[in-house]
Amino acid sequence: MRGSRKGFTLLEMVIAVALVCVMAVVLAGAFDAGLRIWERARRFGGRETEMVIALQTMQKDLRNATPCRLAPFRGDESRVDIPSVVRLSEPPTAREYMGVIRYERGANGSTLDRVTTVYRQPEAVTESRETMVSSVDKLAISFGDRGEGDRTPVVWNGRWDNPSNFPAAVRIVIGVREHGEHVEQRRVVVLSRR
């Protein structure tokens, strides 16, 4: 009759150690992937998100530009004035007014601000300012002109002063310095012929 055995055989120990090693490798890989995802989310969740939202808002405002003699489309390398119909939600009903949406560097030069000017009446002009991106390191706006024909190449200028027409496209570059590195977002917005 055999007695009860105490302990593990060498084969059982090798299998147990191999299983623990495989589990450690899988857990270390998952932990490393989680750290990379967390770092990416932390980095993207900061100024880059502000820049993406600002560029999307600028694109929407540029595409909604409306010709107006009161406020022509104009701009230079650090600002753009976009004539637009502005909807104000005021009690009891929402109303639309002619206005200008301007993107420019803030008073201290380190923010990108969206300034909305609404012309309710000649005497009643209201203005509101919203900071879109804080800690702006670079803001470059250029305006593309196609000339007369659709087949002519776009010529980029750092200024737009043609009150009778809109540019064919607007190129926007926003940059910030975050965690010691320079991060940029770029967008080219094509405008319809008006």
Protein backbone atom coordinates (compact mmCIF):
# COMPACT_ATOMS: atom_id res chain seq x y z
CA MET A 1 0.00 0.00 0.00
CA ARG A 2 1.27 3.37 -0.93
CA GLY A 3 1.40 6.14 1.59
CA SER A 4 0.07 9.63 0.99
CA ARG A 5 2.52 11.90 -0.68
CA LYS A 6 3.44 15.28 0.56
CA GLY A 7 4.69 18.07 -1.72
CA PHE A 8 4.86 18.52 -5.50
CA THR A 9 6.68 16.63 -8.16
CA LEU A 10 9.25 18.41 -10.27
CA LEU A 11 6.93 18.33 -13.31
CA GLU A 12 4.10 19.99 -11.35
CA MET A 13 6.49 22.73 -10.20
CA VAL A 14 7.72 23.44 -13.74
CA ILE A 15 4.14 23.68 -15.04
CA ALA A 16 3.14 26.03 -12.19
CA VAL A 17 6.15 28.30 -12.78
CA ALA A 18 5.48 28.38 -16.54
CA LEU A 19 1.83 29.34 -15.95
CA VAL A 20 2.85 32.13 -13.56
CA CYS A 21 5.40 33.43 -16.10
CA VAL A 22 2.82 33.44 -18.93
CA MET A 23 0.34 35.31 -16.71
CA ALA A 24 3.04 37.84 -15.72
CA VAL A 25 3.92 38.51 -19.36
CA VAL A 26 0.23 39.00 -20.28
CA LEU A 27 -0.37 41.30 -17.31
CA ALA A 28 2.81 43.31 -18.00
CA GLY A 29 1.74 43.80 -21.63
CA ALA A 30 -1.73 44.90 -20.60
CA PHE A 31 -0.28 47.26 -17.99
CA ASP A 32 2.14 48.76 -20.55
CA ALA A 33 -0.66 49.23 -23.10
CA GLY A 34 -2.81 50.86 -20.41
CA LEU A 35 -0.01 53.26 -19.51
CA ARG A 36 0.46 54.23 -23.17
CA ILE A 37 -3.30 54.81 -23.59
CA TRP A 38 -3.42 56.86 -20.38
CA GLU A 39 -0.45 59.00 -21.47
CA ARG A 40 -1.99 59.57 -24.88
CA ALA A 41 -5.37 60.50 -23.36
CA ARG A 42 -3.70 62.84 -20.88
CA ARG A 43 -1.76 64.54 -23.67
CA PHE A 44 -4.69 64.70 -26.07
CA GLY A 45 -7.08 65.82 -23.35
CA GLY A 46 -5.24 69.10 -22.86
CA ARG A 47 -4.46 71.81 -25.34
CA GLU A 48 -4.75 69.52 -28.38
CA THR A 49 -8.45 69.06 -27.66
CA GLU A 50 -8.87 72.83 -27.37
CA MET A 51 -7.15 73.29 -30.73
CA VAL A 52 -9.30 70.66 -32.47
CA ILE A 53 -12.51 72.19 -31.08
CA ALA A 54 -11.35 75.71 -32.05
CA LEU A 55 -10.53 74.59 -35.61
CA GLN A 56 -13.91 72.87 -35.96
CA THR A 57 -15.70 75.99 -34.72
CA MET A 58 -13.66 78.22 -37.07
CA GLN A 59 -14.45 75.90 -39.98
CA LYS A 60 -18.18 76.08 -39.21
CA ASP A 61 -18.07 79.88 -38.89
CA LEU A 62 -16.09 80.27 -42.13
CA ARG A 63 -18.51 78.07 -44.06
CA ASN A 64 -21.46 80.07 -42.68
CA ALA A 65 -19.95 83.41 -43.73
CA THR A 66 -22.52 85.77 -45.22
CA PRO A 67 -21.72 88.70 -47.53
CA CYS A 68 -22.44 92.04 -45.88
CA ARG A 69 -21.53 95.63 -46.76
CA LEU A 70 -21.69 96.59 -43.08
CA ALA A 71 -18.93 94.15 -42.17
CA PRO A 72 -16.74 92.79 -45.00
CA PHE A 73 -14.70 89.60 -44.78
CA ARG A 74 -11.11 90.55 -43.94
CA GLY A 75 -8.11 89.28 -42.10
CA ASP A 76 -4.39 89.06 -41.69
CA GLU A 77 -1.93 86.52 -40.31
CA SER A 78 -3.20 86.79 -36.73
CA ARG A 79 -6.93 87.50 -37.11
CA VAL A 80 -9.94 86.97 -39.34
CA ASP A 81 -13.28 88.85 -39.40
CA ILE A 82 -16.15 86.69 -40.66
CA PRO A 83 -19.46 88.42 -41.44
CA SER A 84 -22.24 86.13 -40.35
CA VAL A 85 -25.83 85.82 -39.25
CA VAL A 86 -25.69 85.41 -35.48
CA ARG A 87 -28.51 83.70 -33.62
CA LEU A 88 -29.22 85.07 -30.15
CA SER A 89 -31.34 83.03 -27.78
CA GLU A 90 -33.17 85.63 -25.77
CA PRO A 91 -36.49 85.26 -24.04
CA PRO A 92 -39.17 84.94 -25.24
CA THR A 93 -37.86 83.92 -28.69
CA ALA A 94 -34.55 83.46 -30.45
CA ARG A 95 -33.71 86.05 -33.11
CA GLU A 96 -31.10 86.37 -35.81
CA TYR A 97 -28.99 89.46 -36.37
CA MET A 98 -26.18 90.44 -38.69
CA GLY A 99 -22.81 90.35 -37.00
CA VAL A 100 -19.13 89.58 -37.21
CA ILE A 101 -17.32 86.64 -35.71
CA ARG A 102 -13.65 87.49 -35.23
CA TYR A 103 -10.85 85.12 -34.30
CA GLU A 104 -7.79 86.83 -32.86
CA ARG A 105 -5.11 86.58 -30.25
CA GLY A 106 -6.31 87.71 -26.85
CA ALA A 107 -5.18 90.86 -25.05
CA ASN A 108 -2.16 89.13 -23.52
CA GLY A 109 -1.21 87.50 -26.85
CA SER A 110 -1.23 83.95 -25.53
CA THR A 111 -4.85 82.95 -26.21
CA LEU A 112 -7.02 82.46 -29.28
CA ASP A 113 -10.29 84.30 -28.72
CA ARG A 114 -13.61 84.16 -30.58
CA VAL A 115 -15.23 87.59 -30.47
CA THR A 116 -18.86 87.88 -31.58
CA THR A 117 -20.16 91.34 -32.44
CA VAL A 118 -23.91 91.62 -33.05
CA TYR A 119 -25.48 94.61 -34.81
CA ARG A 120 -29.05 94.72 -33.45
CA GLN A 121 -29.52 98.31 -34.53
CA PRO A 122 -27.01 100.98 -35.49
CA GLU A 123 -26.97 102.19 -31.87
CA ALA A 124 -27.18 98.76 -30.22
CA VAL A 125 -23.98 96.81 -30.80
CA THR A 126 -23.11 94.00 -28.39
CA GLU A 127 -19.86 92.09 -28.16
CA SER A 128 -18.94 88.86 -26.38
CA ARG A 129 -15.51 87.24 -26.07
CA GLU A 130 -14.75 83.57 -25.55
CA THR A 131 -11.28 82.03 -25.16
CA MET A 132 -11.01 79.03 -27.49
CA VAL A 133 -7.38 78.01 -26.87
CA SER A 134 -5.18 79.03 -23.98
CA SER A 135 -1.38 79.13 -24.13
CA VAL A 136 -1.20 79.76 -27.89
CA ASP A 137 2.37 79.56 -29.11
CA LYS A 138 1.61 80.09 -32.82
CA LEU A 139 -1.30 81.44 -34.84
CA ALA A 140 -0.94 81.70 -38.62
CA ILE A 141 -3.88 82.48 -40.90
CA SER A 142 -3.51 82.78 -44.68
CA PHE A 143 -6.03 83.34 -47.43
CA GLY A 144 -6.14 81.55 -50.76
CA ASP A 145 -7.20 83.30 -53.95
CA ARG A 146 -7.85 81.49 -57.23
CA GLY A 147 -8.10 84.47 -59.50
CA GLU A 148 -10.62 84.30 -62.35
CA GLY A 149 -10.54 80.68 -63.49
CA ASP A 150 -11.19 77.53 -61.51
CA ARG A 151 -8.09 75.89 -63.00
CA THR A 152 -5.67 78.54 -61.78
CA PRO A 153 -3.61 77.49 -58.75
CA VAL A 154 -4.40 78.92 -55.33
CA VAL A 155 -2.14 81.80 -54.32
CA TRP A 156 -1.79 82.15 -50.54
CA ASN A 157 -1.62 85.63 -49.00
CA GLY A 158 -1.14 86.75 -45.42
CA ARG A 159 -3.84 89.43 -45.78
CA TRP A 160 -7.37 89.64 -47.17
CA ASP A 161 -8.80 93.11 -47.86
CA ASN A 162 -11.19 92.49 -50.75
CA PRO A 163 -14.56 93.74 -49.44
CA SER A 164 -16.43 92.53 -52.54
CA ASN A 165 -15.46 88.86 -52.34
CA PHE A 166 -14.46 86.01 -50.05
CA PRO A 167 -11.23 84.06 -50.40
CA ALA A 168 -11.37 80.65 -52.06
CA ALA A 169 -9.88 79.04 -48.94
CA VAL A 170 -8.51 79.88 -45.51
CA ARG A 171 -5.51 78.05 -44.04
CA ILE A 172 -5.22 78.04 -40.24
CA VAL A 173 -2.32 76.84 -38.09
CA ILE A 174 -2.62 76.84 -34.29
CA GLY A 175 0.30 75.78 -32.12
CA VAL A 176 0.84 75.42 -28.39
CA ARG A 177 3.77 74.41 -26.26
CA GLU A 178 2.79 71.62 -23.89
CA HIS A 179 5.01 69.47 -21.69
CA GLY A 180 8.08 70.96 -23.33
CA GLU A 181 7.09 70.13 -26.89
CA HIS A 182 5.44 72.19 -29.63
CA VAL A 183 2.15 70.73 -30.88
CA GLU A 184 0.33 72.10 -33.95
CA GLN A 185 -3.02 71.55 -35.57
CA ARG A 186 -3.69 72.67 -39.16
CA ARG A 187 -6.81 73.05 -41.24
CA VAL A 188 -7.64 74.33 -44.71
CA VAL A 189 -11.25 75.46 -45.12
CA VAL A 190 -12.56 75.80 -48.66
CA LEU A 191 -15.21 78.50 -49.02
CA SER A 192 -17.94 78.50 -51.63
CA ARG A 193 -17.82 81.20 -54.31
CA ARG A 194 -19.94 84.21 -53.43
